[in-house]
Structures are given as C-alpha cells and as structure tokens.
Amino acid sequence: MTIVRILAYSMRSVRRNLGRSSLQVVMIMFAVLIFLIVTGFSRASTQTLDSAVVNSFGEEGAYRLTLNGPIPVPRKELTETVMASLAPYHQTSLRIISKSGPLPISCPGGQDLGQRTLVSVQDSDGKPWLPAGTSGPGQSEWCLGGLVQSTADVAIPAEKDTAVWGRETLFVPSSILESSRTLNNQDHPTEYLITIPEKNDISVPLSAAFAHGLAPSLLPSGFDPRAVISVTHIDSGQQIRDAAGGVARVYSVIGWAVLALGGLGILIAQLIILRDKSWLFGLSRALGANPRHVAAMVICEVVVVVVSGVGAGLVVAAAFGPTVATYARNSLGFTFNLLDWSLVPQLTAGTLMVMVLGAVYPSVKAALTDPMDVIESGGR
C-alpha cells in the first residue's frame, strides 16, 4: 500500500463522510481565526502600549549623564572618554547636549512667550542631530534671550519626546545657543543622552565607569570625578513594559489554547470515526496490511482535514482582513493586521500541534487493532 493509495483513500473517506469532515474543517477554521485575532491583538496592544510608555516615560534604556561645573577638559576629550566607558555595552547610542538656562522668548511686537530652554544636540561625531518629529514654531522671527533670530533653524520637540526633553525646550544650532548663553552670562553643565538596551537600571555601574574613565583627566585639576558626575535613568516605565509583556503572554496562551482545543476536537472526532471503522482496520490487518499503513490511513485523513481547516481560515482572514484593519484603525486607534508574515512560524507550529494531538493516539489505536476482536464482535 503506497502513500499515494493511502492519500486517495483519505480523500474518499473525507468525501463519503462530508458532513462530519466539514464540521471538523469548520472547527479548525474558527480555531485558526481566533488564533490570528488574539495574536494580532497581542501584537497591536503591545506596540501601542510601548509607544505610550515611550511618550510618557522616555525610550527604554535612556540615561542622562551630567557633568556639573566648569570642567577643564576639552569637549572632544570628554566625549572620547565617555564613549570608551560605554565600550562594554553593545548597541549604545550617544548624544551630546548643550543647553542654556531658562531664557525669555518673545515675538516681534513684544508678545511674551514665556521662558524656554535652548538646546543644541550633536551625535558622537559632533554633527548636529534632531529627534524625529520635531516641527518649526510657525513664526518668522523670535527674540531668544535678547537676540532676534530667524526661526528657520529653531525646532520644537514632538509630543512623544517631551518626557526626555521637556515641554519648554527649543532645539537651536550651537551658534545661536552660544550667543544666547554669552549674552545672558550663562554656563550650563555638559550633558550626554545615552541609550543602552538594558532592562535593569544600571545607573550605578555607569556612574562608576564614567568616574573611572574621567579620573586621569579630572584628578590632576583637583576635581573628584564622583562629585561632578551625575547619571539619571530617564526611563521609569519598566514596570509598565513588564506588565505589557505579561499581557502579551496571556494573549499568546489564549491563542495556543484555542488551537489545542481544536486538536482535541479532532482527536474526539477521530476516536468516534475509529469506532465506526474498526471493522475496516481489523479486516485490513487480517488481509496482511502493515500496522504502519493502517496508522498512515488515519494520519492522512487528519492531515487532509487540518490542512483544509487552516486553508479555509487563511482565506477568510484574507477576505475580511482589510475590513477588520479599517475598523481597528478608525474605531480603536491602532494598526491591526489579521495576516502577517511574522505569524508564519507560529501558525506552522500550531498546525503541527493540532495534527499531532488529533492523529497520534487514533493512529496508534488503529494500528493495534486485533482482527480477532473485530471478527468476534461482528464488526460492531
């Protein structure tokens, strides 16, 4: 009995028991749809919550290094030392922050806009840098701390960045910043914005690493590195991120549990079919059929049903996916996709799990069918 003949038998068996097979296919289809919906909600809710946490608490792993007081070390040397201290940490980003104290801001005509902090940001190579999403103020000129400046180079931080930069911040070129600080006789500490992909707060070891790296430059001038270095962990939303991860795991458990229930449903259906076909399996064994071939008859039938159910679920998801995505975007305010390539490994693993649950025990039981028991029972 070849695999082709076994597959042909499985297809005939499915057609002859179309009602029962259709119920199994529909059951698997709904299990797949629920799995896709739950997994999609897990992904969408996690992304939305992560975005909200970043907006409220700052980027994960964000630290601010502040060097207090006039330090007799050139900016370039400071930056090189800070970067060397970060060498043990992988995938870090470094921004150099120069800022003023609060300065009065006004429009032409004397309109007072309150006080703002001017900030100039550079990357580790000294090139100007602006966070994504910044926007211009809308006016052509502003008086920044007593100096009338064009607002073409002035930017306001996006709402999502206010946790890091504050709501009273204006990004300006370093030339405007230095002119304003000189005019207002200000000297503000040098700061570095550092992002390290670490979940735990590492402010203390970071501070120790920076103090150790700057000691050779500061100690000869009478500065205590530990007194002038301050490291602040900006991200305070780790507990919320952990909670979001817990929610995602709950969604994942629900999705896999639904697929497992689908597999158990196939198992129960196959046991009922096995009882009805015990005479066929017993007769096959009596006529010399290999137990492996008898087991393959059951396995192939389960594979046909499960693959049909998964395929039907994917077709329905593809048909209604755009409608669901539009509803989620317009009514719920987040992006939701029923079908995503990232789900292929999970869905493949889930399909295999359903097949194993639905086929292993019935196939083994069918292969072990005793022909004499079938004959003595009269095929019942």
Protein backbone atom coordinates (compact mmCIF):
# COMPACT_ATOMS: atom_id res chain seq x y z
CA MET A 1 0.00 0.00 0.00
CA THR A 2 1.76 3.12 -1.18
CA ILE A 3 1.42 6.63 0.18
CA VAL A 4 -0.48 7.65 -2.97
CA ARG A 5 -3.11 4.95 -2.40
CA ILE A 6 -3.34 5.93 1.27
CA LEU A 7 -3.91 9.58 0.32
CA ALA A 8 -6.52 8.55 -2.23
CA TYR A 9 -8.31 6.53 0.45
CA SER A 10 -8.19 9.51 2.83
CA MET A 11 -9.76 11.82 0.24
CA ARG A 12 -12.50 9.28 -0.47
CA SER A 13 -13.14 8.86 3.24
CA VAL A 14 -13.47 12.62 3.70
CA ARG A 15 -15.92 12.85 0.78
CA ARG A 16 -18.02 9.91 2.00
CA ASN A 17 -18.31 11.48 5.45
CA LEU A 18 -18.67 15.03 4.14
CA GLY A 19 -20.89 16.27 6.97
CA ARG A 20 -18.62 15.01 9.73
CA SER A 21 -15.47 16.15 7.90
CA SER A 22 -16.97 19.59 7.22
CA LEU A 23 -17.65 20.09 10.93
CA GLN A 24 -14.01 19.29 11.68
CA VAL A 25 -12.82 21.69 8.97
CA VAL A 26 -15.08 24.47 10.31
CA MET A 27 -13.82 23.82 13.86
CA ILE A 28 -10.19 24.15 12.75
CA MET A 29 -11.06 27.22 10.66
CA PHE A 30 -12.53 29.01 13.68
CA ALA A 31 -9.58 27.94 15.84
CA VAL A 32 -7.18 29.47 13.29
CA LEU A 33 -9.23 32.67 13.03
CA ILE A 34 -9.32 33.06 16.82
CA PHE A 35 -5.58 32.39 16.95
CA LEU A 36 -4.93 35.07 14.32
CA ILE A 37 -7.23 37.58 16.04
CA VAL A 38 -5.75 37.01 19.50
CA THR A 39 -2.18 37.11 18.19
CA GLY A 40 -2.93 40.28 16.22
CA PHE A 41 -4.43 41.97 19.27
CA SER A 42 -1.41 40.91 21.31
CA ARG A 43 0.97 42.46 18.79
CA ALA A 44 -1.12 45.62 18.32
CA SER A 45 -1.73 46.21 22.04
CA THR A 46 1.93 45.64 22.90
CA GLN A 47 3.09 48.08 20.21
CA THR A 48 0.51 50.67 21.28
CA LEU A 49 1.42 50.34 24.95
CA ASP A 50 5.15 50.51 24.17
CA SER A 51 4.55 53.70 22.21
CA ALA A 52 2.54 55.17 25.10
CA VAL A 53 5.29 54.25 27.58
CA VAL A 54 7.92 55.91 25.39
CA ASN A 55 5.76 59.04 25.16
CA SER A 56 5.25 59.19 28.92
CA PHE A 57 8.49 57.81 30.35
CA GLY A 58 11.10 58.03 27.61
CA GLU A 59 12.89 55.47 25.48
CA GLU A 60 13.80 52.18 27.11
CA GLY A 61 17.32 52.20 28.49
CA ALA A 62 17.71 56.01 28.31
CA TYR A 63 20.18 57.70 30.67
CA ARG A 64 21.34 61.27 31.10
CA LEU A 65 24.97 61.86 32.10
CA THR A 66 25.54 65.34 33.56
CA LEU A 67 29.00 66.79 34.26
CA ASN A 68 28.47 69.51 36.86
CA GLY A 69 30.60 72.62 36.99
CA PRO A 70 33.24 74.09 34.67
CA ILE A 71 35.43 71.07 33.92
CA PRO A 72 38.92 71.82 32.49
CA VAL A 73 38.67 69.07 29.88
CA PRO A 74 38.04 69.77 26.17
CA ARG A 75 34.67 68.63 24.82
CA LYS A 76 36.28 66.21 22.35
CA GLU A 77 38.32 64.53 25.10
CA LEU A 78 35.24 64.28 27.31
CA THR A 79 33.24 62.64 24.54
CA GLU A 80 36.01 60.17 23.72
CA THR A 81 36.30 59.22 27.39
CA VAL A 82 32.53 58.74 27.71
CA MET A 83 32.47 56.58 24.59
CA ALA A 84 35.37 54.48 25.89
CA SER A 85 33.49 53.94 29.15
CA LEU A 86 30.50 52.66 27.14
CA ALA A 87 32.61 50.09 25.27
CA PRO A 88 31.41 47.10 27.39
CA TYR A 89 27.81 47.89 26.45
CA HIS A 90 26.70 46.91 22.95
CA GLN A 91 24.38 48.80 20.59
CA THR A 92 24.56 52.06 22.52
CA SER A 93 23.76 55.49 21.13
CA LEU A 94 25.29 58.74 22.39
CA ARG A 95 24.09 62.33 22.02
CA ILE A 96 25.98 65.40 23.29
CA ILE A 97 23.66 68.00 24.80
CA SER A 98 24.47 71.68 25.28
CA LYS A 99 21.77 73.84 26.79
CA SER A 100 21.03 77.19 28.29
CA GLY A 101 19.18 78.03 31.43
CA PRO A 102 15.59 79.34 31.07
CA LEU A 103 15.59 82.35 28.73
CA PRO A 104 12.79 84.80 27.93
CA ILE A 105 11.27 84.25 24.49
CA SER A 106 9.18 86.81 22.65
CA CYS A 107 7.81 87.57 19.18
CA PRO A 108 8.32 90.79 17.22
CA GLY A 109 5.89 93.31 18.67
CA GLY A 110 6.65 92.37 22.25
CA GLN A 111 4.43 89.29 22.67
CA ASP A 112 5.85 87.36 25.62
CA LEU A 113 6.06 83.60 25.06
CA GLY A 114 7.42 82.80 28.48
CA GLN A 115 10.75 81.17 29.21
CA ARG A 116 12.28 78.36 27.22
CA THR A 117 15.46 76.33 27.44
CA LEU A 118 17.64 76.39 24.33
CA VAL A 119 19.19 73.03 23.47
CA SER A 120 21.77 72.06 20.87
CA VAL A 121 22.30 68.34 20.28
CA GLN A 122 25.15 66.63 18.44
CA ASP A 123 25.94 62.99 17.79
CA SER A 124 29.19 61.35 18.89
CA ASP A 125 30.92 62.68 15.74
CA GLY A 126 29.95 66.28 16.53
CA LYS A 127 27.31 66.53 13.80
CA PRO A 128 24.03 68.34 14.57
CA TRP A 129 21.20 65.97 15.50
CA LEU A 130 17.46 66.41 15.96
CA PRO A 131 14.96 63.83 17.23
CA ALA A 132 12.42 62.69 14.67
CA GLY A 133 9.09 64.52 14.61
CA THR A 134 10.32 68.00 15.55
CA SER A 135 8.50 70.94 13.99
CA GLY A 136 9.06 74.63 13.42
CA PRO A 137 7.44 77.29 15.63
CA GLY A 138 5.46 78.89 12.80
CA GLN A 139 6.73 82.49 13.17
CA SER A 140 9.49 84.02 11.04
CA GLU A 141 11.45 85.55 13.93
CA TRP A 142 11.77 85.15 17.67
CA CYS A 143 13.71 87.05 20.29
CA LEU A 144 15.72 84.33 22.02
CA GLY A 145 17.19 85.61 25.26
CA GLY A 146 17.61 89.13 23.90
CA LEU A 147 18.76 88.19 20.40
CA VAL A 148 16.42 88.40 17.41
CA GLN A 149 16.86 85.18 15.45
CA SER A 150 15.26 83.61 12.41
CA THR A 151 13.12 80.63 13.40
CA ALA A 152 14.12 78.67 10.28
CA ASP A 153 16.64 76.69 12.35
CA VAL A 154 14.52 76.50 15.52
CA ALA A 155 12.60 73.27 16.25
CA ILE A 156 10.09 72.21 18.88
CA PRO A 157 10.21 68.61 20.24
CA ALA A 158 7.40 66.28 19.29
CA GLU A 159 4.84 65.30 21.91
CA LYS A 160 6.33 61.81 22.16
CA ASP A 161 9.72 63.28 23.18
CA THR A 162 8.56 65.64 25.93
CA ALA A 163 9.37 63.04 28.60
CA VAL A 164 13.03 63.26 27.61
CA TRP A 165 13.41 66.89 26.52
CA GLY A 166 10.63 68.69 28.40
CA ARG A 167 7.83 70.88 27.07
CA GLU A 168 9.76 74.15 27.37
CA THR A 169 12.64 73.15 25.10
CA LEU A 170 13.69 74.69 21.79
CA PHE A 171 16.26 72.99 19.58
CA VAL A 172 18.67 75.51 18.07
CA PRO A 173 22.05 75.43 16.28
CA SER A 174 25.09 75.60 18.55
CA SER A 175 25.95 79.11 17.27
CA ILE A 176 22.61 80.54 18.45
CA LEU A 177 22.94 78.71 21.76
CA GLU A 178 26.45 80.03 22.45
CA SER A 179 25.44 83.59 21.53
CA SER A 180 22.44 83.49 23.86
CA ARG A 181 24.44 81.98 26.70
CA THR A 182 27.20 84.57 26.31
CA LEU A 183 24.73 87.48 26.22
CA ASN A 184 22.94 86.22 29.34
CA ASN A 185 26.16 85.21 31.12
CA GLN A 186 25.11 81.58 31.48
CA ASP A 187 27.23 78.49 31.87
CA HIS A 188 25.32 75.23 31.89
CA PRO A 189 26.67 71.72 32.63
CA THR A 190 27.58 69.45 29.75
CA GLU A 191 25.15 66.56 29.30
CA TYR A 192 25.14 63.32 27.35
CA LEU A 193 22.00 61.40 26.40
CA ILE A 194 22.80 57.69 26.32
CA THR A 195 20.59 54.79 25.24
CA ILE A 196 21.60 51.28 26.28
CA PRO A 197 19.38 48.23 25.55
CA GLU A 198 19.32 47.06 29.18
CA LYS A 199 16.07 46.38 31.04
CA ASN A 200 17.55 46.83 34.51
CA ASP A 201 18.62 50.20 35.89
CA ILE A 202 22.42 50.37 35.52
CA SER A 203 22.87 53.95 36.70
CA VAL A 204 25.30 52.97 39.48
CA PRO A 205 27.72 50.90 37.33
CA LEU A 206 27.52 53.53 34.59
CA SER A 207 28.41 56.28 37.05
CA ALA A 208 31.34 54.22 38.36
CA ALA A 209 32.57 53.53 34.80
CA PHE A 210 32.44 57.21 33.87
CA ALA A 211 34.19 58.26 37.11
CA HIS A 212 36.94 55.72 36.47
CA GLY A 213 37.38 56.87 32.87
CA LEU A 214 37.48 60.61 33.72
CA ALA A 215 39.69 60.28 36.80
CA PRO A 216 43.02 60.71 34.95
CA SER A 217 41.76 64.00 33.44
CA LEU A 218 39.99 65.42 36.49
CA LEU A 219 42.12 64.41 39.48
CA PRO A 220 45.22 66.46 38.46
CA SER A 221 42.98 69.56 38.39
CA GLY A 222 41.60 68.87 41.87
CA PHE A 223 38.19 67.56 40.75
CA ASP A 224 36.63 64.50 42.36
CA PRO A 225 35.06 62.55 39.46
CA ARG A 226 32.32 61.15 41.71
CA ALA A 227 31.31 64.67 42.73
CA VAL A 228 30.96 66.10 39.23
CA ILE A 229 29.30 63.10 37.56
CA SER A 230 25.56 62.51 37.77
CA VAL A 231 23.80 59.67 35.93
CA THR A 232 19.99 59.70 35.76
CA HIS A 233 17.84 56.86 34.46
CA ILE A 234 15.25 58.68 32.33
CA ASP A 235 13.12 55.64 31.52
CA SER A 236 10.83 54.95 34.50
CA GLY A 237 8.29 52.80 32.66
CA GLN A 238 9.91 49.38 33.01
CA GLN A 239 7.14 48.08 35.28
CA ILE A 240 4.57 49.05 32.68
CA ARG A 241 6.66 47.37 29.98
CA ASP A 242 6.81 44.23 32.11
CA ALA A 243 3.03 44.38 32.51
CA ALA A 244 2.68 44.75 28.73
CA GLY A 245 4.85 41.67 28.30
CA GLY A 246 2.58 39.81 30.72
CA VAL A 247 -0.49 40.83 28.72
CA ALA A 248 1.19 39.64 25.52
CA ARG A 249 1.95 36.27 27.16
CA VAL A 250 -1.69 35.93 28.26
CA TYR A 251 -2.83 36.59 24.69
CA SER A 252 -0.32 34.02 23.47
CA VAL A 253 -1.57 31.40 25.93
CA ILE A 254 -5.16 32.01 24.84
CA GLY A 255 -4.25 31.65 21.16
CA TRP A 256 -2.35 28.42 21.67
CA ALA A 257 -5.05 27.06 23.98
CA VAL A 258 -7.68 27.60 21.25
CA LEU A 259 -5.52 25.68 18.77
CA ALA A 260 -5.03 22.92 21.34
CA LEU A 261 -8.82 22.71 21.81
CA GLY A 262 -9.11 22.37 18.04
CA GLY A 263 -6.66 19.48 18.18
CA LEU A 264 -8.62 17.83 20.99
CA GLY A 265 -11.79 18.26 18.95
CA ILE A 266 -10.12 16.44 16.05
CA LEU A 267 -8.99 13.73 18.48
CA ILE A 268 -12.53 13.14 19.73
CA ALA A 269 -13.93 13.10 16.20
CA GLN A 270 -11.28 10.61 15.07
CA LEU A 271 -11.98 8.30 18.02
CA ILE A 272 -15.64 8.23 17.00
CA ILE A 273 -14.65 7.52 13.39
CA LEU A 274 -12.22 4.86 14.60
CA ARG A 275 -15.01 3.08 16.43
CA ASP A 276 -17.13 3.08 13.26
CA LYS A 277 -14.23 1.88 11.10
CA SER A 278 -12.78 -0.71 13.43
CA TRP A 279 -14.03 -3.47 11.11
CA LEU A 280 -12.12 -1.88 8.20
CA PHE A 281 -8.88 -1.68 10.12
CA GLY A 282 -9.34 -5.18 11.52
CA LEU A 283 -10.08 -6.57 8.06
CA SER A 284 -7.03 -4.77 6.66
CA ARG A 285 -4.86 -6.33 9.35
CA ALA A 286 -6.40 -9.77 8.70
CA LEU A 287 -5.59 -9.45 5.00
CA GLY A 288 -1.97 -8.69 5.80
CA ALA A 289 -1.85 -4.87 5.94
CA ASN A 290 1.20 -3.46 7.71
CA PRO A 291 0.35 -1.66 11.02
CA ARG A 292 2.25 1.37 9.69
CA HIS A 293 -0.06 1.53 6.69
CA VAL A 294 -3.14 1.33 8.90
CA ALA A 295 -1.78 4.17 11.06
CA ALA A 296 -0.99 6.16 7.91
CA MET A 297 -4.64 5.89 6.81
CA VAL A 298 -5.72 7.72 9.98
CA ILE A 299 -2.86 10.23 9.90
CA CYS A 300 -3.51 11.19 6.27
CA GLU A 301 -7.20 11.75 6.96
CA VAL A 302 -6.33 14.05 9.87
CA VAL A 303 -3.80 15.92 7.72
CA VAL A 304 -6.38 16.47 4.98
CA VAL A 305 -8.93 17.82 7.48
CA VAL A 306 -6.46 20.06 9.34
CA VAL A 307 -4.86 21.49 6.19
CA SER A 308 -8.32 22.18 4.78
CA GLY A 309 -9.35 23.94 8.00
CA VAL A 310 -6.18 26.06 8.16
CA GLY A 311 -6.53 26.96 4.50
CA ALA A 312 -10.17 27.95 5.00
CA GLY A 313 -9.16 30.11 7.99
CA LEU A 314 -6.49 31.89 5.97
CA VAL A 315 -8.92 32.52 3.11
CA VAL A 316 -11.49 34.04 5.47
CA ALA A 317 -8.77 36.13 7.16
CA ALA A 318 -7.55 37.41 3.79
CA ALA A 319 -11.11 38.25 2.75
CA PHE A 320 -12.10 40.12 5.89
CA GLY A 321 -8.64 41.35 6.95
CA PRO A 322 -8.86 44.78 5.26
CA THR A 323 -12.29 45.43 6.80
CA VAL A 324 -11.05 44.47 10.27
CA ALA A 325 -7.92 46.62 9.82
CA THR A 326 -10.02 49.64 8.79
CA TYR A 327 -12.34 49.21 11.77
CA ALA A 328 -9.41 48.89 14.19
CA ARG A 329 -7.72 51.98 12.78
CA ASN A 330 -10.85 54.16 12.74
CA SER A 331 -12.62 52.96 15.89
CA LEU A 332 -9.87 51.63 18.14
CA GLY A 333 -6.99 53.84 17.03
CA PHE A 334 -4.33 51.24 16.34
CA THR A 335 -2.98 49.19 13.44
CA PHE A 336 -4.30 45.64 13.32
CA ASN A 337 -3.48 43.03 10.66
CA LEU A 338 -5.02 39.57 10.68
CA LEU A 339 -2.35 38.24 8.33
CA ASP A 340 1.29 38.98 8.95
CA TRP A 341 4.39 37.18 7.68
CA SER A 342 5.77 37.15 11.21
CA LEU A 343 2.98 34.71 12.15
CA VAL A 344 4.10 32.03 9.67
CA PRO A 345 6.39 30.16 12.13
CA GLN A 346 3.78 30.28 14.90
CA LEU A 347 0.94 29.18 12.62
CA THR A 348 3.07 26.38 11.20
CA ALA A 349 3.94 25.16 14.69
CA GLY A 350 0.28 25.44 15.72
CA THR A 351 -0.84 23.40 12.69
CA LEU A 352 1.68 20.67 13.52
CA MET A 353 0.47 20.67 17.14
CA VAL A 354 -3.15 20.18 16.03
CA MET A 355 -2.11 17.34 13.73
CA VAL A 356 -0.16 15.61 16.49
CA LEU A 357 -2.99 15.96 19.01
CA GLY A 358 -5.59 14.73 16.56
CA ALA A 359 -3.66 11.91 14.89
CA VAL A 360 -1.17 10.21 17.22
CA TYR A 361 -3.47 8.30 19.58
CA PRO A 362 -6.13 7.32 16.99
CA SER A 363 -3.46 6.14 14.52
CA VAL A 364 -1.71 4.02 17.15
CA LYS A 365 -5.03 2.54 18.28
CA ALA A 366 -5.99 1.75 14.69
CA ALA A 367 -2.61 0.12 14.01
CA LEU A 368 -3.01 -2.08 17.08
CA THR A 369 -6.50 -3.26 16.15
CA ASP A 370 -6.75 -7.04 16.69
CA PRO A 371 -8.52 -8.73 13.73
CA MET A 372 -9.90 -11.48 16.00
CA ASP A 373 -11.58 -8.90 18.27
CA VAL A 374 -13.28 -7.36 15.23
CA ILE A 375 -14.45 -10.74 13.92
CA GLU A 376 -15.73 -11.83 17.33
CA SER A 377 -17.64 -8.58 17.77
CA GLY A 378 -19.27 -8.97 14.38
CA GLY A 379 -17.80 -5.69 13.07
CA ARG A 380 -19.63 -3.66 15.71
